[in-house]
Amino acid sequence: EAAEQRGLQQGIERGTQQGIQQGIQQGIERGIQQGREEGQRSILENFLRVRFGELDALLAALLVPVSALPATEFTLLLLQLSALTGDEQGIEQARRLLAENVLRMRVGQLGDTA
């Protein structure tokens, strides 16, 4: 019975240690992800401000969700945005592009969980 108790205690300690290590690793990964998203958000916000001037509420609201795009898709979006004119028509096209990317990303996430 004493050996069984020691084995149980060792199992608990190992499980706890593994849980702590896994939690630390997940925290690091999440921190890296948040840093990448914040960097992309800042790039996009500055790009849109230079291109179109002050951002309206819709463009500003789309910054955070769009910043979660994978790097390749984010780069493609920047290329598409760079081809737009700086007038009202360009702003409307920018809104549409950002909204489409957010919707595509959200639908993709829903598809992954189903």
N, C-alpha and C. Protein backbone atom coordinates (compact mmCIF):
# COMPACT_ATOMS: atom_id res chain seq x y z
N GLU A 1 0.82 -1.21 0.00
CA GLU A 1 0.00 0.00 0.00
C GLU A 1 0.86 1.27 0.00
N ALA A 2 1.97 1.25 0.72
CA ALA A 2 2.87 2.41 0.73
C ALA A 2 3.47 2.63 -0.65
N ALA A 3 3.84 1.55 -1.33
CA ALA A 3 4.40 1.65 -2.68
C ALA A 3 3.35 2.20 -3.64
N GLU A 4 2.12 1.76 -3.47
CA GLU A 4 1.02 2.24 -4.31
C GLU A 4 0.81 3.74 -4.10
N GLN A 5 0.91 4.16 -2.84
CA GLN A 5 0.74 5.58 -2.49
C GLN A 5 1.86 6.42 -3.12
N ARG A 6 3.13 5.90 -3.03
CA ARG A 6 4.26 6.62 -3.63
C ARG A 6 4.08 6.72 -5.15
N GLY A 7 3.64 5.63 -5.77
CA GLY A 7 3.42 5.63 -7.22
C GLY A 7 2.35 6.63 -7.61
N LEU A 8 1.30 6.69 -6.83
CA LEU A 8 0.23 7.65 -7.09
C LEU A 8 0.75 9.07 -6.95
N GLN A 9 1.54 9.33 -5.89
CA GLN A 9 2.10 10.66 -5.67
C GLN A 9 3.03 11.05 -6.81
N GLN A 10 3.89 10.12 -7.27
CA GLN A 10 4.79 10.40 -8.38
C GLN A 10 4.00 10.69 -9.66
N GLY A 11 2.94 9.95 -9.87
CA GLY A 11 2.10 10.18 -11.05
C GLY A 11 1.47 11.56 -11.02
N ILE A 12 1.00 11.95 -9.86
CA ILE A 12 0.40 13.28 -9.71
C ILE A 12 1.45 14.36 -9.97
N GLU A 13 2.65 14.19 -9.40
CA GLU A 13 3.72 15.17 -9.59
C GLU A 13 4.12 15.29 -11.05
N ARG A 14 4.26 14.14 -11.73
CA ARG A 14 4.61 14.16 -13.16
C ARG A 14 3.52 14.85 -13.98
N GLY A 15 2.28 14.50 -13.68
CA GLY A 15 1.16 15.11 -14.39
C GLY A 15 1.10 16.61 -14.18
N THR A 16 1.34 17.03 -12.94
CA THR A 16 1.35 18.46 -12.63
C THR A 16 2.46 19.17 -13.38
N GLN A 17 3.67 18.57 -13.37
CA GLN A 17 4.81 19.17 -14.08
C GLN A 17 4.53 19.27 -15.57
N GLN A 18 3.98 18.21 -16.15
CA GLN A 18 3.66 18.24 -17.58
C GLN A 18 2.61 19.30 -17.88
N GLY A 19 1.64 19.43 -17.00
CA GLY A 19 0.60 20.44 -17.18
C GLY A 19 1.17 21.85 -17.12
N ILE A 20 2.09 22.07 -16.19
CA ILE A 20 2.74 23.38 -16.08
C ILE A 20 3.54 23.68 -17.34
N GLN A 21 4.33 22.71 -17.80
CA GLN A 21 5.14 22.91 -19.00
C GLN A 21 4.25 23.18 -20.22
N GLN A 22 3.17 22.43 -20.33
CA GLN A 22 2.26 22.63 -21.46
C GLN A 22 1.62 24.02 -21.39
N GLY A 23 1.25 24.44 -20.19
CA GLY A 23 0.66 25.77 -20.01
C GLY A 23 1.63 26.88 -20.38
N ILE A 24 2.89 26.72 -19.97
CA ILE A 24 3.91 27.71 -20.32
C ILE A 24 4.08 27.77 -21.83
N GLN A 25 4.18 26.61 -22.47
CA GLN A 25 4.36 26.56 -23.92
C GLN A 25 3.18 27.21 -24.64
N GLN A 26 1.97 26.91 -24.20
CA GLN A 26 0.79 27.51 -24.82
C GLN A 26 0.79 29.03 -24.62
N GLY A 27 1.22 29.47 -23.45
CA GLY A 27 1.30 30.91 -23.18
C GLY A 27 2.29 31.60 -24.09
N ILE A 28 3.44 30.97 -24.30
CA ILE A 28 4.46 31.53 -25.19
C ILE A 28 3.91 31.61 -26.61
N GLU A 29 3.30 30.52 -27.07
CA GLU A 29 2.75 30.49 -28.43
C GLU A 29 1.68 31.56 -28.61
N ARG A 30 0.82 31.72 -27.61
CA ARG A 30 -0.24 32.73 -27.71
C ARG A 30 0.36 34.14 -27.72
N GLY A 31 1.40 34.35 -26.92
CA GLY A 31 2.06 35.65 -26.91
C GLY A 31 2.68 35.99 -28.26
N ILE A 32 3.30 35.00 -28.88
CA ILE A 32 3.88 35.20 -30.21
C ILE A 32 2.78 35.53 -31.21
N GLN A 33 1.68 34.79 -31.14
CA GLN A 33 0.54 35.02 -32.05
C GLN A 33 -0.02 36.43 -31.86
N GLN A 34 -0.20 36.84 -30.61
CA GLN A 34 -0.74 38.17 -30.34
C GLN A 34 0.20 39.26 -30.85
N GLY A 35 1.51 39.05 -30.69
CA GLY A 35 2.49 40.01 -31.19
C GLY A 35 2.44 40.13 -32.70
N ARG A 36 2.31 38.99 -33.38
CA ARG A 36 2.23 38.99 -34.84
C ARG A 36 0.97 39.73 -35.29
N GLU A 37 -0.16 39.43 -34.65
CA GLU A 37 -1.41 40.08 -35.02
C GLU A 37 -1.35 41.59 -34.76
N GLU A 38 -0.76 42.00 -33.65
CA GLU A 38 -0.65 43.43 -33.35
C GLU A 38 0.23 44.12 -34.38
N GLY A 39 1.31 43.46 -34.80
CA GLY A 39 2.17 44.02 -35.83
C GLY A 39 1.44 44.18 -37.15
N GLN A 40 0.68 43.16 -37.53
CA GLN A 40 -0.10 43.24 -38.78
C GLN A 40 -1.16 44.32 -38.69
N ARG A 41 -1.80 44.45 -37.52
CA ARG A 41 -2.83 45.49 -37.35
C ARG A 41 -2.21 46.87 -37.52
N SER A 42 -1.04 47.07 -36.92
CA SER A 42 -0.37 48.36 -37.01
C SER A 42 0.03 48.68 -38.46
N ILE A 43 0.57 47.69 -39.16
CA ILE A 43 0.94 47.88 -40.57
C ILE A 43 -0.29 48.26 -41.38
N LEU A 44 -1.38 47.50 -41.20
CA LEU A 44 -2.59 47.75 -41.98
C LEU A 44 -3.18 49.13 -41.66
N GLU A 45 -3.24 49.47 -40.38
CA GLU A 45 -3.79 50.77 -39.99
C GLU A 45 -2.97 51.91 -40.61
N ASN A 46 -1.66 51.83 -40.50
CA ASN A 46 -0.81 52.88 -41.07
C ASN A 46 -0.93 52.93 -42.58
N PHE A 47 -0.98 51.77 -43.22
CA PHE A 47 -1.12 51.71 -44.67
C PHE A 47 -2.42 52.40 -45.11
N LEU A 48 -3.53 52.05 -44.43
CA LEU A 48 -4.83 52.63 -44.80
C LEU A 48 -4.86 54.13 -44.54
N ARG A 49 -4.25 54.58 -43.45
CA ARG A 49 -4.21 56.02 -43.15
C ARG A 49 -3.44 56.79 -44.23
N VAL A 50 -2.31 56.24 -44.64
CA VAL A 50 -1.52 56.90 -45.68
C VAL A 50 -2.29 56.90 -47.00
N ARG A 51 -2.97 55.80 -47.29
CA ARG A 51 -3.66 55.65 -48.57
C ARG A 51 -4.95 56.47 -48.63
N PHE A 52 -5.74 56.44 -47.54
CA PHE A 52 -7.09 57.02 -47.58
C PHE A 52 -7.31 58.17 -46.59
N GLY A 53 -6.34 58.50 -45.77
CA GLY A 53 -6.53 59.54 -44.77
C GLY A 53 -7.16 58.95 -43.51
N GLU A 54 -7.97 59.74 -42.84
CA GLU A 54 -8.60 59.28 -41.59
C GLU A 54 -9.49 58.08 -41.87
N LEU A 55 -9.44 57.08 -40.97
CA LEU A 55 -10.24 55.87 -41.16
C LEU A 55 -11.65 56.06 -40.61
N ASP A 56 -12.64 55.60 -41.36
CA ASP A 56 -14.01 55.65 -40.86
C ASP A 56 -14.23 54.50 -39.88
N ALA A 57 -15.40 54.48 -39.24
CA ALA A 57 -15.68 53.50 -38.20
C ALA A 57 -15.62 52.07 -38.73
N LEU A 58 -16.10 51.83 -39.94
CA LEU A 58 -16.11 50.47 -40.49
C LEU A 58 -14.69 49.97 -40.74
N LEU A 59 -13.87 50.79 -41.38
CA LEU A 59 -12.48 50.38 -41.62
C LEU A 59 -11.77 50.12 -40.29
N ALA A 60 -11.97 51.01 -39.33
CA ALA A 60 -11.32 50.84 -38.02
C ALA A 60 -11.79 49.56 -37.33
N ALA A 61 -13.08 49.24 -37.46
CA ALA A 61 -13.63 48.04 -36.82
C ALA A 61 -13.09 46.76 -37.46
N LEU A 62 -12.72 46.82 -38.72
CA LEU A 62 -12.23 45.63 -39.42
C LEU A 62 -10.74 45.39 -39.21
N LEU A 63 -10.03 46.35 -38.64
CA LEU A 63 -8.58 46.20 -38.46
C LEU A 63 -8.20 44.98 -37.62
N VAL A 64 -8.83 44.83 -36.46
CA VAL A 64 -8.46 43.74 -35.55
C VAL A 64 -8.76 42.37 -36.14
N PRO A 65 -9.97 42.12 -36.64
CA PRO A 65 -10.20 40.78 -37.19
C PRO A 65 -9.32 40.47 -38.41
N VAL A 66 -9.07 41.46 -39.26
CA VAL A 66 -8.24 41.22 -40.44
C VAL A 66 -6.79 40.95 -40.05
N SER A 67 -6.36 41.51 -38.93
CA SER A 67 -4.96 41.32 -38.51
C SER A 67 -4.67 39.88 -38.11
N ALA A 68 -5.71 39.07 -37.93
CA ALA A 68 -5.52 37.66 -37.58
C ALA A 68 -5.32 36.78 -38.82
N LEU A 69 -5.35 37.37 -40.00
CA LEU A 69 -5.13 36.58 -41.22
C LEU A 69 -3.74 35.96 -41.20
N PRO A 70 -3.60 34.77 -41.78
CA PRO A 70 -2.25 34.21 -41.95
C PRO A 70 -1.39 35.16 -42.78
N ALA A 71 -0.09 35.12 -42.60
CA ALA A 71 0.83 36.08 -43.22
C ALA A 71 0.67 36.14 -44.74
N THR A 72 0.51 35.00 -45.40
CA THR A 72 0.39 34.99 -46.86
C THR A 72 -0.88 35.72 -47.30
N GLU A 73 -2.00 35.42 -46.65
CA GLU A 73 -3.26 36.08 -47.00
C GLU A 73 -3.21 37.57 -46.68
N PHE A 74 -2.56 37.92 -45.58
CA PHE A 74 -2.42 39.32 -45.20
C PHE A 74 -1.62 40.08 -46.26
N THR A 75 -0.54 39.47 -46.74
CA THR A 75 0.29 40.08 -47.78
C THR A 75 -0.51 40.27 -49.07
N LEU A 76 -1.28 39.26 -49.45
CA LEU A 76 -2.12 39.38 -50.65
C LEU A 76 -3.13 40.51 -50.49
N LEU A 77 -3.70 40.64 -49.30
CA LEU A 77 -4.64 41.72 -49.04
C LEU A 77 -3.96 43.08 -49.21
N LEU A 78 -2.76 43.23 -48.68
CA LEU A 78 -2.04 44.49 -48.83
C LEU A 78 -1.78 44.81 -50.30
N LEU A 79 -1.44 43.79 -51.07
CA LEU A 79 -1.23 44.01 -52.51
C LEU A 79 -2.51 44.48 -53.19
N GLN A 80 -3.63 43.86 -52.83
CA GLN A 80 -4.92 44.26 -53.41
C GLN A 80 -5.26 45.69 -53.01
N LEU A 81 -5.03 46.03 -51.74
CA LEU A 81 -5.33 47.38 -51.26
C LEU A 81 -4.44 48.42 -51.93
N SER A 82 -3.20 48.04 -52.22
CA SER A 82 -2.27 49.01 -52.83
C SER A 82 -2.68 49.37 -54.25
N ALA A 83 -3.49 48.54 -54.89
CA ALA A 83 -3.93 48.81 -56.26
C ALA A 83 -5.15 49.74 -56.30
N LEU A 84 -5.75 50.02 -55.15
CA LEU A 84 -6.95 50.85 -55.12
C LEU A 84 -6.60 52.33 -55.20
N THR A 85 -7.55 53.09 -55.74
CA THR A 85 -7.38 54.54 -55.79
C THR A 85 -7.64 55.13 -54.41
N GLY A 86 -7.17 56.34 -54.17
CA GLY A 86 -7.33 56.99 -52.87
C GLY A 86 -8.63 57.75 -52.72
N ASP A 87 -9.54 57.62 -53.69
CA ASP A 87 -10.81 58.35 -53.64
C ASP A 87 -11.89 57.53 -52.92
N GLU A 88 -13.12 58.05 -52.95
CA GLU A 88 -14.24 57.39 -52.26
C GLU A 88 -14.49 55.99 -52.81
N GLN A 89 -14.34 55.82 -54.10
CA GLN A 89 -14.53 54.49 -54.69
C GLN A 89 -13.48 53.51 -54.16
N GLY A 90 -12.26 53.97 -54.02
CA GLY A 90 -11.20 53.13 -53.46
C GLY A 90 -11.47 52.76 -52.02
N ILE A 91 -11.99 53.72 -51.25
CA ILE A 91 -12.33 53.45 -49.84
C ILE A 91 -13.43 52.39 -49.77
N GLU A 92 -14.44 52.52 -50.63
CA GLU A 92 -15.53 51.54 -50.66
C GLU A 92 -14.99 50.15 -51.02
N GLN A 93 -14.10 50.09 -51.98
CA GLN A 93 -13.50 48.81 -52.36
C GLN A 93 -12.66 48.24 -51.22
N ALA A 94 -11.98 49.11 -50.48
CA ALA A 94 -11.19 48.67 -49.33
C ALA A 94 -12.10 48.07 -48.26
N ARG A 95 -13.22 48.74 -47.98
CA ARG A 95 -14.18 48.21 -47.01
C ARG A 95 -14.63 46.82 -47.43
N ARG A 96 -14.97 46.69 -48.70
CA ARG A 96 -15.46 45.41 -49.22
C ARG A 96 -14.38 44.32 -49.09
N LEU A 97 -13.16 44.65 -49.48
CA LEU A 97 -12.06 43.68 -49.39
C LEU A 97 -11.83 43.22 -47.95
N LEU A 98 -11.80 44.17 -47.03
CA LEU A 98 -11.58 43.81 -45.63
C LEU A 98 -12.73 42.96 -45.10
N ALA A 99 -13.96 43.36 -45.39
CA ALA A 99 -15.12 42.61 -44.93
C ALA A 99 -15.14 41.20 -45.51
N GLU A 100 -14.81 41.08 -46.80
CA GLU A 100 -14.78 39.75 -47.43
C GLU A 100 -13.75 38.85 -46.77
N ASN A 101 -12.59 39.41 -46.44
CA ASN A 101 -11.55 38.61 -45.80
C ASN A 101 -11.97 38.17 -44.40
N VAL A 102 -12.62 39.06 -43.65
CA VAL A 102 -13.10 38.69 -42.32
C VAL A 102 -14.15 37.58 -42.44
N LEU A 103 -15.10 37.74 -43.36
CA LEU A 103 -16.13 36.72 -43.54
C LEU A 103 -15.53 35.38 -43.96
N ARG A 104 -14.61 35.43 -44.90
CA ARG A 104 -13.96 34.19 -45.37
C ARG A 104 -13.24 33.49 -44.21
N MET A 105 -12.57 34.28 -43.38
CA MET A 105 -11.85 33.73 -42.25
C MET A 105 -12.83 33.13 -41.23
N ARG A 106 -13.91 33.84 -40.94
CA ARG A 106 -14.89 33.35 -39.96
C ARG A 106 -15.60 32.10 -40.46
N VAL A 107 -15.97 32.07 -41.74
CA VAL A 107 -16.63 30.89 -42.31
C VAL A 107 -15.66 29.71 -42.27
N GLY A 108 -14.40 29.97 -42.56
CA GLY A 108 -13.38 28.93 -42.49
C GLY A 108 -13.24 28.38 -41.09
N GLN A 109 -13.30 29.26 -40.09
CA GLN A 109 -13.20 28.82 -38.70
C GLN A 109 -14.41 27.99 -38.31
N LEU A 110 -15.59 28.39 -38.78
CA LEU A 110 -16.79 27.61 -38.49
C LEU A 110 -16.69 26.24 -39.14
N GLY A 111 -16.17 26.20 -40.34
CA GLY A 111 -16.01 24.92 -41.04
C GLY A 111 -15.03 24.01 -40.33
N ASP A 112 -14.01 24.57 -39.69
CA ASP A 112 -13.01 23.77 -38.98
C ASP A 112 -13.59 23.11 -37.74
N THR A 113 -14.58 23.75 -37.10
CA THR A 113 -15.11 23.21 -35.85
C THR A 113 -16.27 22.26 -36.07
N ALA A 114 -16.84 22.27 -37.27
CA ALA A 114 -18.01 21.42 -37.53
C ALA A 114 -17.62 19.98 -37.76
